[in-house]
PDB file of N, CA and C in Angstrom:
ATOM      1  N   GLU A   1    -126.866  41.589 -34.594  1.00  0.00           N
ATOM      2  CA  GLU A   1    -126.710  42.317 -35.850  1.00  0.00           C
ATOM      3  C   GLU A   1    -126.142  41.481 -36.510  1.00  0.00           C
ATOM      4  N   LEU A   2    -124.962  41.772 -36.480  1.00  0.00           N
ATOM      5  CA  LEU A   2    -123.719  41.470 -37.635  1.00  0.00           C
ATOM      6  C   LEU A   2    -123.905  40.118 -37.880  1.00  0.00           C
ATOM      7  N   ALA A   3    -124.116  38.945 -36.806  1.00  0.00           N
ATOM      8  CA  ALA A   3    -124.027  37.717 -36.983  1.00  0.00           C
ATOM      9  C   ALA A   3    -125.267  37.319 -38.089  1.00  0.00           C
ATOM     10  N   ASP A   4    -126.302  37.886 -37.522  1.00  0.00           N
ATOM     11  CA  ASP A   4    -127.701  38.173 -38.918  1.00  0.00           C
ATOM     12  C   ASP A   4    -127.288  38.449 -39.985  1.00  0.00           C
ATOM     13  N   ALA A   5    -126.539  39.539 -39.813  1.00  0.00           N
ATOM     14  CA  ALA A   5    -126.258  40.245 -41.578  1.00  0.00           C
ATOM     15  C   ALA A   5    -125.604  39.086 -42.440  1.00  0.00           C
ATOM     16  N   TRP A   6    -124.696  38.592 -41.624  1.00  0.00           N
ATOM     17  CA  TRP A   6    -123.723  37.904 -42.328  1.00  0.00           C
ATOM     18  C   TRP A   6    -123.960  36.310 -42.250  1.00  0.00           C
ATOM     19  N   GLN A   7    -125.018  35.857 -41.825  1.00  0.00           N
ATOM     20  CA  GLN A   7    -125.450  34.829 -41.466  1.00  0.00           C
ATOM     21  C   GLN A   7    -124.222  33.786 -41.075  1.00  0.00           C
ATOM     22  N   ALA A   8    -123.298  34.172 -39.921  1.00  0.00           N
ATOM     23  CA  ALA A   8    -122.220  33.383 -39.379  1.00  0.00           C
ATOM     24  C   ALA A   8    -121.990  33.826 -38.159  1.00  0.00           C
ATOM     25  N   PRO A   9    -121.413  32.818 -37.579  1.00  0.00           N
ATOM     26  CA  PRO A   9    -121.223  33.248 -36.016  1.00  0.00           C
ATOM     27  C   PRO A   9    -120.045  34.413 -36.188  1.00  0.00           C
ATOM     28  N   VAL A  10    -120.361  35.135 -34.978  1.00  0.00           N
ATOM     29  CA  VAL A  10    -118.944  36.462 -35.081  1.00  0.00           C
ATOM     30  C   VAL A  10    -118.623  36.423 -33.345  1.00  0.00           C
ATOM     31  N   ARG A  11    -117.156  36.348 -33.456  1.00  0.00           N
ATOM     32  CA  ARG A  11    -116.247  36.453 -32.520  1.00  0.00           C
ATOM     33  C   ARG A  11    -115.421  37.229 -32.795  1.00  0.00           C
ATOM     34  N   LEU A  12    -115.324  38.604 -31.522  1.00  0.00           N
ATOM     35  CA  LEU A  12    -114.622  39.664 -31.599  1.00  0.00           C
ATOM     36  C   LEU A  12    -113.105  39.446 -30.969  1.00  0.00           C
ATOM     37  N   VAL A  13    -112.129  40.019 -31.664  1.00  0.00           N
ATOM     38  CA  VAL A  13    -110.577  40.097 -31.129  1.00  0.00           C
ATOM     39  C   VAL A  13    -110.162  41.264 -30.775  1.00  0.00           C
ATOM     40  N   LEU A  14    -109.968  41.123 -29.031  1.00  0.00           N
ATOM     41  CA  LEU A  14    -109.757  42.111 -28.574  1.00  0.00           C
ATOM     42  C   LEU A  14    -108.079  42.290 -28.242  1.00  0.00           C
ATOM     43  N   ALA A  15    -107.707  43.311 -28.317  1.00  0.00           N
ATOM     44  CA  ALA A  15    -106.245  43.686 -28.433  1.00  0.00           C
ATOM     45  C   ALA A  15    -105.923  45.017 -27.811  1.00  0.00           C
ATOM     46  N   GLY A  16    -104.658  45.399 -27.038  1.00  0.00           N
ATOM     47  CA  GLY A  16    -104.388  46.781 -26.782  1.00  0.00           C
ATOM     48  C   GLY A  16    -104.699  46.836 -24.963  1.00  0.00           C
ATOM     49  N   GLY A  17    -104.343  48.295 -24.673  1.00  0.00           N
ATOM     50  CA  GLY A  17    -104.310  48.374 -23.433  1.00  0.00           C
ATOM     51  C   GLY A  17    -105.626  48.361 -22.491  1.00  0.00           C
ATOM     52  N   ALA A  18    -106.858  48.802 -23.275  1.00  0.00           N
ATOM     53  CA  ALA A  18    -108.102  48.805 -22.577  1.00  0.00           C
ATOM     54  C   ALA A  18    -108.846  47.871 -23.045  1.00  0.00           C
ATOM     55  N   ALA A  19    -108.423  46.387 -23.347  1.00  0.00           N
ATOM     56  CA  ALA A  19    -109.016  45.168 -23.976  1.00  0.00           C
ATOM     57  C   ALA A  19    -109.504  44.392 -22.585  1.00  0.00           C
ATOM     58  N   ASP A  20    -109.200  44.802 -21.448  1.00  0.00           N
ATOM     59  CA  ASP A  20    -110.188  44.120 -20.285  1.00  0.00           C
ATOM     60  C   ASP A  20    -111.322  45.151 -20.014  1.00  0.00           C
ATOM     61  N   ASP A  21    -111.078  46.257 -20.363  1.00  0.00           N
ATOM     62  CA  ASP A  21    -112.183  47.051 -19.661  1.00  0.00           C
ATOM     63  C   ASP A  21    -113.327  47.083 -20.809  1.00  0.00           C
ATOM     64  N   VAL A  22    -112.980  46.741 -22.266  1.00  0.00           N
ATOM     65  CA  VAL A  22    -113.874  46.233 -23.262  1.00  0.00           C
ATOM     66  C   VAL A  22    -114.319  45.221 -22.988  1.00  0.00           C
ATOM     67  N   ALA A  23    -113.656  44.064 -22.705  1.00  0.00           N
ATOM     68  CA  ALA A  23    -114.297  42.657 -22.461  1.00  0.00           C
ATOM     69  C   ALA A  23    -115.556  42.788 -21.444  1.00  0.00           C
ATOM     70  N   ARG A  24    -114.939  43.363 -20.217  1.00  0.00           N
ATOM     71  CA  ARG A  24    -116.222  43.723 -19.225  1.00  0.00           C
ATOM     72  C   ARG A  24    -117.604  43.906 -19.725  1.00  0.00           C
ATOM     73  N   ALA A  25    -117.418  44.739 -20.798  1.00  0.00           N
ATOM     74  CA  ALA A  25    -118.734  45.213 -21.324  1.00  0.00           C
ATOM     75  C   ALA A  25    -119.488  44.872 -22.185  1.00  0.00           C
ATOM     76  N   LEU A  26    -118.640  43.503 -22.977  1.00  0.00           N
ATOM     77  CA  LEU A  26    -119.346  42.900 -23.839  1.00  0.00           C
ATOM     78  C   LEU A  26    -120.341  41.694 -23.370  1.00  0.00           C
ATOM     79  N   THR A  27    -121.003  41.575 -24.430  1.00  0.00           N
ATOM     80  CA  THR A  27    -121.976  40.304 -24.113  1.00  0.00           C
ATOM     81  C   THR A  27    -121.574  39.495 -25.432  1.00  0.00           C
ATOM     82  N   LEU A  28    -120.920  39.645 -26.403  1.00  0.00           N
ATOM     83  CA  LEU A  28    -120.821  39.064 -27.441  1.00  0.00           C
ATOM     84  C   LEU A  28    -119.348  38.073 -27.161  1.00  0.00           C
ATOM     85  N   PRO A  29    -119.355  37.015 -27.944  1.00  0.00           N
ATOM     86  CA  PRO A  29    -117.820  35.961 -27.546  1.00  0.00           C
ATOM     87  C   PRO A  29    -117.131  36.877 -27.875  1.00  0.00           C
ATOM     88  N   HIS A  30    -115.706  36.847 -27.419  1.00  0.00           N
ATOM     89  CA  HIS A  30    -114.516  37.559 -27.833  1.00  0.00           C
ATOM     90  C   HIS A  30    -113.161  36.514 -27.364  1.00  0.00           C
ATOM     91  N   THR A  31    -111.946  36.887 -27.992  1.00  0.00           N
ATOM     92  CA  THR A  31    -111.212  36.589 -27.702  1.00  0.00           C
ATOM     93  C   THR A  31    -109.858  37.226 -27.339  1.00  0.00           C
ATOM     94  N   ARG A  32    -109.321  37.227 -26.389  1.00  0.00           N
ATOM     95  CA  ARG A  32    -107.999  38.576 -26.289  1.00  0.00           C
ATOM     96  C   ARG A  32    -106.367  37.954 -26.849  1.00  0.00           C
ATOM     97  N   HIS A  33    -106.004  38.705 -27.472  1.00  0.00           N
ATOM     98  CA  HIS A  33    -104.890  38.550 -28.437  1.00  0.00           C
ATOM     99  C   HIS A  33    -103.891  39.601 -28.220  1.00  0.00           C
ATOM    100  N   ASP A  34    -103.193  39.378 -27.086  1.00  0.00           N
ATOM    101  CA  ASP A  34    -101.942  40.383 -26.858  1.00  0.00           C
ATOM    102  C   ASP A  34    -100.995  40.570 -27.775  1.00  0.00           C
ATOM    103  N   ALA A  35    -100.710  39.774 -28.573  1.00  0.00           N
ATOM    104  CA  ALA A  35     -99.714  39.718 -29.517  1.00  0.00           C
ATOM    105  C   ALA A  35    -100.344  39.928 -30.985  1.00  0.00           C
ATOM    106  N   LEU A  36    -101.413  40.681 -31.197  1.00  0.00           N
ATOM    107  CA  LEU A  36    -101.926  40.643 -32.744  1.00  0.00           C
ATOM    108  C   LEU A  36    -101.213  41.304 -33.659  1.00  0.00           C
ATOM    109  N   ILE A  37    -100.661  42.483 -33.204  1.00  0.00           N
ATOM    110  CA  ILE A  37     -99.668  43.243 -33.990  1.00  0.00           C
ATOM    111  C   ILE A  37     -98.488  42.340 -34.455  1.00  0.00           C
ATOM    112  N   LEU A  38     -98.289  41.676 -33.385  1.00  0.00           N
ATOM    113  CA  LEU A  38     -96.725  41.056 -34.062  1.00  0.00           C
ATOM    114  C   LEU A  38     -96.996  39.898 -34.726  1.00  0.00           C
ATOM    115  N   SER A  39     -98.130  39.191 -34.202  1.00  0.00           N
ATOM    116  CA  SER A  39     -98.590  37.948 -35.118  1.00  0.00           C
ATOM    117  C   SER A  39     -98.595  38.289 -36.670  1.00  0.00           C
ATOM    118  N   GLY A  40     -99.346  39.447 -36.709  1.00  0.00           N
ATOM    119  CA  GLY A  40     -99.874  40.043 -38.134  1.00  0.00           C
ATOM    120  C   GLY A  40     -98.399  40.706 -38.695  1.00  0.00           C
ATOM    121  N   LEU A  41     -97.734  40.714 -38.113  1.00  0.00           N
ATOM    122  CA  LEU A  41     -96.425  41.377 -38.741  1.00  0.00           C
ATOM    123  C   LEU A  41     -95.622  39.953 -39.206  1.00  0.00           C
ATOM    124  N   ALA A  42     -95.587  38.932 -38.474  1.00  0.00           N
ATOM    125  CA  ALA A  42     -95.192  37.713 -38.278  1.00  0.00           C
ATOM    126  C   ALA A  42     -95.857  36.930 -39.757  1.00  0.00           C
ATOM    127  N   LEU A  43     -97.027  36.955 -39.875  1.00  0.00           N
ATOM    128  CA  LEU A  43     -97.755  36.373 -40.893  1.00  0.00           C
ATOM    129  C   LEU A  43     -97.177  37.178 -42.451  1.00  0.00           C
ATOM    130  N   ILE A  44     -97.158  38.579 -42.160  1.00  0.00           N
ATOM    131  CA  ILE A  44     -96.721  39.217 -43.646  1.00  0.00           C
ATOM    132  C   ILE A  44     -95.247  38.942 -43.981  1.00  0.00           C
ATOM    133  N   ALA A  45     -94.350  38.748 -43.077  1.00  0.00           N
ATOM    134  CA  ALA A  45     -93.205  38.346 -43.270  1.00  0.00           C
ATOM    135  C   ALA A  45     -92.751  36.797 -43.876  1.00  0.00           C
ATOM    136  N   ALA A  46     -93.571  36.338 -43.397  1.00  0.00           N
ATOM    137  CA  ALA A  46     -93.587  34.761 -43.697  1.00  0.00           C
ATOM    138  C   ALA A  46     -94.207  34.736 -45.027  1.00  0.00           C
ATOM    139  N   GLU A  47     -95.003  35.108 -45.497  1.00  0.00           N
ATOM    140  CA  GLU A  47     -95.933  35.423 -46.628  1.00  0.00           C
ATOM    141  C   GLU A  47     -95.104  35.896 -47.991  1.00  0.00           C
ATOM    142  N   ALA A  48     -94.381  37.044 -47.562  1.00  0.00           N
ATOM    143  CA  ALA A  48     -93.302  37.781 -48.478  1.00  0.00           C
ATOM    144  C   ALA A  48     -92.129  36.850 -48.585  1.00  0.00           C
ATOM    145  N   ALA A  49     -91.673  35.955 -47.941  1.00  0.00           N
ATOM    146  CA  ALA A  49     -90.444  35.119 -47.771  1.00  0.00           C
ATOM    147  C   ALA A  49     -90.458  34.224 -48.794  1.00  0.00           C
ATOM    148  N   ALA A  50     -91.845  33.436 -48.507  1.00  0.00           N
ATOM    149  CA  ALA A  50     -92.706  32.536 -49.622  1.00  0.00           C
ATOM    150  C   ALA A  50     -92.551  32.968 -50.910  1.00  0.00           C
ATOM    151  N   GLU A  51     -93.056  33.952 -50.995  1.00  0.00           N
ATOM    152  CA  GLU A  51     -93.071  34.741 -52.396  1.00  0.00           C
ATOM    153  C   GLU A  51     -91.698  34.719 -53.040  1.00  0.00           C
ATOM    154  N   ALA A  52     -90.831  35.271 -52.182  1.00  0.00           N
ATOM    155  CA  ALA A  52     -89.343  35.307 -52.681  1.00  0.00           C
ATOM    156  C   ALA A  52     -89.010  34.177 -53.011  1.00  0.00           C
ATOM    157  N   ARG A  53     -89.504  33.103 -52.339  1.00  0.00           N
ATOM    158  CA  ARG A  53     -88.807  31.945 -52.752  1.00  0.00           C
ATOM    159  C   ARG A  53     -89.022  31.084 -54.377  1.00  0.00           C
ATOM    160  N   ASN A  54     -90.188  31.966 -54.585  1.00  0.00           N
ATOM    161  CA  ASN A  54     -91.064  31.272 -55.915  1.00  0.00           C
ATOM    162  C   ASN A  54     -90.542  31.918 -57.191  1.00  0.00           C
TER     163      ASN A  54
END
């Protein structure tokens, strides 16, 4: 439904302790990202550092 509404492919990103259980119930394409929060924080820090240099 979402792919039709957006007219684009949809891929779910799973993280957290229940990711395995959720993945078993899914029929949609998905990716598991165990360090999702840490990756996001690293991105925010890198962007802030780049802005500080400018």
